N, C-alpha and C. Protein backbone atom coordinates (compact mmCIF):
# COMPACT_ATOMS: atom_id res chain seq x y z
N MET A 1 11.64 49.45 33.98
CA MET A 1 10.71 48.06 33.99
C MET A 1 10.56 47.15 32.42
N LYS A 2 10.77 46.35 32.47
CA LYS A 2 11.18 45.18 31.45
C LYS A 2 9.90 45.55 30.43
N ASN A 3 10.01 45.42 29.28
CA ASN A 3 8.92 45.20 28.23
C ASN A 3 8.92 43.91 27.97
N THR A 4 7.58 43.32 28.35
CA THR A 4 7.24 42.07 27.84
C THR A 4 6.09 41.77 27.30
N ALA A 5 5.82 42.84 26.29
CA ALA A 5 4.71 42.58 25.74
C ALA A 5 4.70 41.62 24.40
N GLN A 6 5.88 41.68 23.81
CA GLN A 6 6.33 40.63 22.86
C GLN A 6 6.23 39.16 23.53
N GLU A 7 6.74 39.08 24.79
CA GLU A 7 6.83 38.03 25.39
C GLU A 7 5.10 37.38 25.83
N ARG A 8 4.24 38.18 26.05
CA ARG A 8 3.27 37.93 26.72
C ARG A 8 2.17 37.47 25.12
N ASP A 9 2.67 37.62 23.85
CA ASP A 9 1.87 37.12 22.74
C ASP A 9 1.77 35.70 22.52
N VAL A 10 0.70 35.35 22.50
CA VAL A 10 0.49 33.70 22.41
C VAL A 10 1.47 33.38 21.12
N PHE A 11 1.41 34.17 20.26
CA PHE A 11 2.04 33.38 18.74
C PHE A 11 3.36 33.27 19.16
N VAL A 12 4.06 34.45 19.97
CA VAL A 12 5.55 34.34 20.15
C VAL A 12 5.93 33.01 21.20
N ALA A 13 4.48 32.98 22.04
CA ALA A 13 4.86 32.13 23.14
C ALA A 13 5.14 30.46 22.44
N ILE A 14 4.13 30.46 21.48
CA ILE A 14 3.94 29.17 20.74
C ILE A 14 5.26 28.65 19.49
N ALA A 15 6.01 29.79 19.24
CA ALA A 15 6.80 29.63 18.10
C ALA A 15 7.97 28.67 18.60
N ASP A 16 8.21 28.52 19.41
CA ASP A 16 9.42 27.79 19.90
C ASP A 16 8.88 26.40 19.94
N PRO A 17 9.42 25.55 19.51
CA PRO A 17 9.23 23.93 19.65
C PRO A 17 9.34 23.25 21.18
N THR A 18 10.55 23.92 21.93
CA THR A 18 10.35 23.52 23.36
C THR A 18 9.01 23.75 23.90
N ARG A 19 8.54 25.17 23.78
CA ARG A 19 7.45 25.62 24.50
C ARG A 19 6.07 24.88 23.89
N ARG A 20 6.17 24.52 22.47
CA ARG A 20 4.95 23.61 22.01
C ARG A 20 4.92 22.24 22.72
N LYS A 21 6.00 21.68 23.10
CA LYS A 21 6.26 20.45 23.54
C LYS A 21 5.67 20.40 25.24
N LEU A 22 6.15 21.64 25.66
CA LEU A 22 5.72 21.70 27.11
C LEU A 22 4.02 21.89 27.11
N ILE A 23 3.59 22.68 26.32
CA ILE A 23 2.23 22.65 26.22
C ILE A 23 1.53 21.44 25.96
N ARG A 24 1.95 20.58 25.05
CA ARG A 24 1.57 19.03 24.82
C ARG A 24 1.81 18.32 26.16
N LEU A 25 2.60 18.54 26.69
CA LEU A 25 2.86 17.77 28.01
C LEU A 25 1.96 17.85 29.11
N LEU A 26 1.76 19.31 29.01
CA LEU A 26 0.95 19.56 30.33
C LEU A 26 -0.61 19.44 29.89
N ALA A 27 -0.76 19.59 28.41
CA ALA A 27 -2.32 19.09 28.09
C ALA A 27 -2.45 17.52 28.43
N ASP A 28 -1.40 16.77 28.48
CA ASP A 28 -1.82 15.53 28.64
C ASP A 28 -1.75 15.14 30.21
N SER A 29 -1.62 16.34 31.12
CA SER A 29 -1.70 15.75 32.54
C SER A 29 -2.72 16.98 33.32
N ASP A 30 -3.15 16.60 34.48
CA ASP A 30 -3.84 17.71 35.13
C ASP A 30 -2.81 18.74 35.45
N GLU A 31 -1.59 18.59 36.15
CA GLU A 31 -0.71 19.33 36.88
C GLU A 31 0.41 18.68 36.87
N LEU A 32 1.73 19.31 36.65
CA LEU A 32 3.10 18.64 37.11
C LEU A 32 3.88 19.40 37.58
N PRO A 33 4.70 19.03 38.64
CA PRO A 33 5.67 19.60 39.11
C PRO A 33 6.93 19.98 38.09
N LEU A 34 7.74 21.06 38.47
CA LEU A 34 8.70 21.27 37.38
C LEU A 34 9.84 20.35 37.54
N TYR A 35 10.24 19.56 38.78
CA TYR A 35 11.15 18.26 38.72
C TYR A 35 10.79 17.59 37.33
N GLU A 36 9.51 17.04 37.46
CA GLU A 36 9.03 16.03 36.50
C GLU A 36 8.84 16.47 35.06
N ILE A 37 8.74 17.62 35.04
CA ILE A 37 8.56 18.35 33.63
C ILE A 37 10.08 18.36 33.28
N THR A 38 10.96 18.81 34.00
CA THR A 38 12.24 18.76 33.55
C THR A 38 12.79 17.40 32.81
N THR A 39 12.58 16.41 33.36
CA THR A 39 12.82 15.01 32.79
C THR A 39 12.46 14.51 31.60
N HIS A 40 11.71 15.42 30.93
CA HIS A 40 11.11 15.35 29.49
C HIS A 40 12.17 16.17 28.41
N PHE A 41 12.91 16.86 29.14
CA PHE A 41 13.77 17.84 28.11
C PHE A 41 15.38 17.56 28.24
N GLU A 42 16.23 17.77 27.28
CA GLU A 42 17.46 17.57 27.57
C GLU A 42 18.24 19.09 27.85
N MET A 43 17.73 19.62 28.94
CA MET A 43 18.07 20.93 29.34
C MET A 43 17.80 20.81 30.81
N GLY A 44 18.54 22.04 31.47
CA GLY A 44 18.72 22.05 32.78
C GLY A 44 17.07 22.78 33.20
N ARG A 45 17.17 22.72 34.47
CA ARG A 45 15.86 23.13 35.55
C ARG A 45 15.63 24.69 34.85
N THR A 46 16.67 25.31 35.02
CA THR A 46 16.62 26.75 34.77
C THR A 46 16.20 27.23 33.51
N ALA A 47 16.62 26.38 32.40
CA ALA A 47 16.26 26.74 31.07
C ALA A 47 14.61 26.25 30.89
N VAL A 48 14.37 25.14 31.53
CA VAL A 48 12.87 24.67 31.42
C VAL A 48 12.02 25.82 31.98
N SER A 49 12.63 26.54 33.26
CA SER A 49 11.80 27.35 33.90
C SER A 49 11.53 28.50 32.95
N LYS A 50 12.40 29.06 32.45
CA LYS A 50 12.56 30.45 31.65
C LYS A 50 11.52 30.22 30.45
N HIS A 51 11.23 28.62 29.98
CA HIS A 51 10.42 28.63 29.12
C HIS A 51 9.29 28.60 29.33
N LEU A 52 8.97 27.97 30.77
CA LEU A 52 7.44 28.16 31.36
C LEU A 52 7.09 29.29 31.94
N THR A 53 8.19 30.53 32.12
CA THR A 53 7.99 31.54 32.41
C THR A 53 7.08 32.45 31.28
N ILE A 54 7.92 32.05 29.88
CA ILE A 54 7.10 32.60 28.99
C ILE A 54 5.78 32.17 28.69
N LEU A 55 5.65 30.98 28.85
CA LEU A 55 4.27 30.70 28.55
C LEU A 55 3.36 31.13 29.90
N LYS A 56 3.93 31.08 30.81
CA LYS A 56 2.94 31.78 32.00
C LYS A 56 2.58 33.46 31.54
N GLU A 57 3.60 34.05 31.12
CA GLU A 57 3.52 35.10 30.69
C GLU A 57 2.49 35.51 29.46
N ALA A 58 2.28 34.72 28.71
CA ALA A 58 1.12 34.54 27.50
C ALA A 58 -0.02 33.84 27.92
N ASP A 59 -0.23 33.66 29.73
CA ASP A 59 -1.27 33.07 29.94
C ASP A 59 -1.74 31.80 29.75
N LEU A 60 -0.68 31.01 29.17
CA LEU A 60 -0.81 29.68 28.74
C LEU A 60 -0.88 28.85 29.73
N VAL A 61 0.10 29.24 30.88
CA VAL A 61 0.41 28.07 31.89
C VAL A 61 0.02 28.74 33.27
N THR A 62 -0.28 28.20 34.22
CA THR A 62 -0.35 28.62 35.67
C THR A 62 0.33 27.77 36.63
N ASN A 63 0.52 28.19 37.70
CA ASN A 63 1.24 27.51 38.44
C ASN A 63 0.93 27.81 39.98
N HIS A 64 1.15 26.89 40.77
CA HIS A 64 0.95 27.12 42.42
C HIS A 64 2.28 26.34 43.26
N LYS A 65 2.24 26.94 44.40
CA LYS A 65 3.27 26.08 45.20
C LYS A 65 2.55 24.96 46.20
N LYS A 66 3.12 23.90 46.14
CA LYS A 66 2.44 22.78 46.72
C LYS A 66 3.83 22.16 47.62
N GLY A 67 3.73 22.57 49.18
CA GLY A 67 4.71 22.57 49.65
C GLY A 67 5.90 23.13 49.19
N ARG A 68 7.27 22.54 48.85
CA ARG A 68 8.14 23.10 48.69
C ARG A 68 8.29 23.19 46.97
N GLU A 69 7.52 22.38 46.34
CA GLU A 69 7.62 22.26 44.68
C GLU A 69 6.33 23.37 44.12
N THR A 70 6.86 23.37 43.02
CA THR A 70 6.13 24.46 41.95
C THR A 70 5.44 23.83 40.99
N ARG A 71 3.99 23.62 41.03
CA ARG A 71 3.51 22.51 39.78
C ARG A 71 2.83 23.50 38.78
N TYR A 72 2.59 23.19 37.58
CA TYR A 72 2.36 23.71 36.65
C TYR A 72 1.22 23.13 36.02
N GLN A 73 0.35 23.95 35.50
CA GLN A 73 -1.16 23.38 34.70
C GLN A 73 -1.18 24.20 33.45
N LEU A 74 -1.66 23.68 32.34
CA LEU A 74 -1.96 24.30 31.06
C LEU A 74 -3.36 25.04 31.42
N ASN A 75 -3.25 26.34 30.73
CA ASN A 75 -4.64 27.27 30.68
C ASN A 75 -4.63 27.18 29.14
N PRO A 76 -5.80 26.44 28.43
CA PRO A 76 -5.71 26.32 27.01
C PRO A 76 -6.59 27.38 26.38
N ALA A 77 -7.09 28.72 27.07
CA ALA A 77 -8.12 29.54 26.64
C ALA A 77 -7.11 30.35 25.62
N PRO A 78 -5.93 30.74 25.81
CA PRO A 78 -5.45 31.70 24.71
C PRO A 78 -5.21 31.13 23.62
N LEU A 79 -5.21 29.82 23.47
CA LEU A 79 -4.75 28.81 22.33
C LEU A 79 -6.19 29.09 21.39
N LYS A 80 -7.11 29.81 21.76
CA LYS A 80 -8.63 29.94 21.10
C LYS A 80 -8.14 31.11 20.00
N GLU A 81 -7.11 32.07 20.50
CA GLU A 81 -6.93 33.02 19.30
C GLU A 81 -6.26 32.60 18.46
N VAL A 82 -5.33 31.53 18.59
CA VAL A 82 -4.65 30.99 17.52
C VAL A 82 -5.43 30.25 16.73
N LYS A 83 -6.20 29.24 17.31
CA LYS A 83 -7.37 28.59 16.54
C LYS A 83 -8.23 29.11 15.45
N GLU A 84 -8.79 30.52 16.00
CA GLU A 84 -9.45 31.33 15.23
C GLU A 84 -8.47 31.92 13.89
N TRP A 85 -7.37 32.19 14.37
CA TRP A 85 -6.43 32.66 13.25
C TRP A 85 -6.27 31.62 12.18
N LEU A 86 -6.16 30.77 12.59
CA LEU A 86 -5.87 29.33 11.61
C LEU A 86 -7.04 28.96 11.02
N SER A 87 -8.21 29.21 11.59
CA SER A 87 -9.53 28.86 10.72
C SER A 87 -9.79 29.59 9.64
N PHE A 88 -9.27 30.84 9.58
CA PHE A 88 -9.57 31.90 8.51
C PHE A 88 -8.69 31.19 7.10
N TYR A 89 -7.51 30.92 7.46
CA TYR A 89 -6.58 30.20 6.61
C TYR A 89 -6.92 28.64 6.11
N GLU A 90 -7.91 28.07 7.03
CA GLU A 90 -8.13 26.57 6.56
C GLU A 90 -9.53 27.00 5.75
N ASP A 91 -10.22 27.69 5.98
CA ASP A 91 -11.47 28.27 5.13
C ASP A 91 -10.78 28.72 3.70
N PHE A 92 -9.60 29.92 3.83
CA PHE A 92 -9.03 30.47 2.72
C PHE A 92 -8.89 29.28 1.56
N TRP A 93 -7.89 28.11 2.34
CA TRP A 93 -7.38 27.04 1.30
C TRP A 93 -8.42 25.77 0.83
N ASN A 94 -9.53 25.92 1.51
CA ASN A 94 -10.85 24.92 1.40
C ASN A 94 -11.33 25.66 0.02
N ASP A 95 -11.45 26.92 0.30
CA ASP A 95 -12.40 27.62 -1.05
C ASP A 95 -11.38 27.58 -2.24
N ARG A 96 -10.13 28.02 -2.05
CA ARG A 96 -9.07 27.31 -3.35
C ARG A 96 -9.11 26.52 -3.82
N ALA A 97 -9.08 25.26 -3.08
CA ALA A 97 -8.98 23.61 -3.37
C ALA A 97 -10.41 23.51 -4.21
N ALA A 98 -11.54 24.02 -4.01
CA ALA A 98 -12.78 23.69 -4.16
C ALA A 98 -12.85 24.62 -5.61
N LEU A 99 -12.26 25.81 -5.65
CA LEU A 99 -12.40 26.46 -6.95
C LEU A 99 -11.02 25.81 -7.99
N LEU A 100 -10.08 25.26 -7.57
CA LEU A 100 -9.43 24.29 -8.45
C LEU A 100 -10.02 23.16 -9.01
N LYS A 101 -10.85 22.51 -8.05
CA LYS A 101 -11.59 21.21 -8.45
C LYS A 101 -12.63 21.58 -9.73
N ASP A 102 -13.53 22.62 -9.23
CA ASP A 102 -14.34 23.38 -10.38
C ASP A 102 -13.53 23.54 -11.69
N ILE A 103 -12.74 24.15 -11.52
CA ILE A 103 -11.53 24.28 -12.93
C ILE A 103 -11.46 23.37 -13.60
N LEU A 104 -10.57 22.26 -12.78
CA LEU A 104 -10.28 20.98 -13.57
C LEU A 104 -11.55 20.20 -13.95
N GLU A 105 -12.48 20.18 -13.37
CA GLU A 105 -13.62 19.27 -13.90
C GLU A 105 -14.31 20.02 -15.14
N GLU A 106 -13.99 21.26 -15.16
CA GLU A 106 -14.63 22.05 -16.47
C GLU A 106 -13.87 21.61 -17.82
């Protein structure tokens, strides 16, 4: 059995610029079929599908069949982990900036 632990990590999934573009594209729509998603990229349908699979394994994307087409939808919930991680560093740098301001004003 293939180990997909790394692929399921939300940080690994969003590390790739193509996958971030996919997330943004899906965020701007309720759901999109694969053929329509593919038109936004300079790569084939198979490559786009592979990126969507990684996002799906990270639970960032869901899909369902509608007739013969597969439609994809963003699941933003896992991005909360990223937001929480980044908010620590935002607070960290805000505190450092305030400290520097205080030092410069003295």
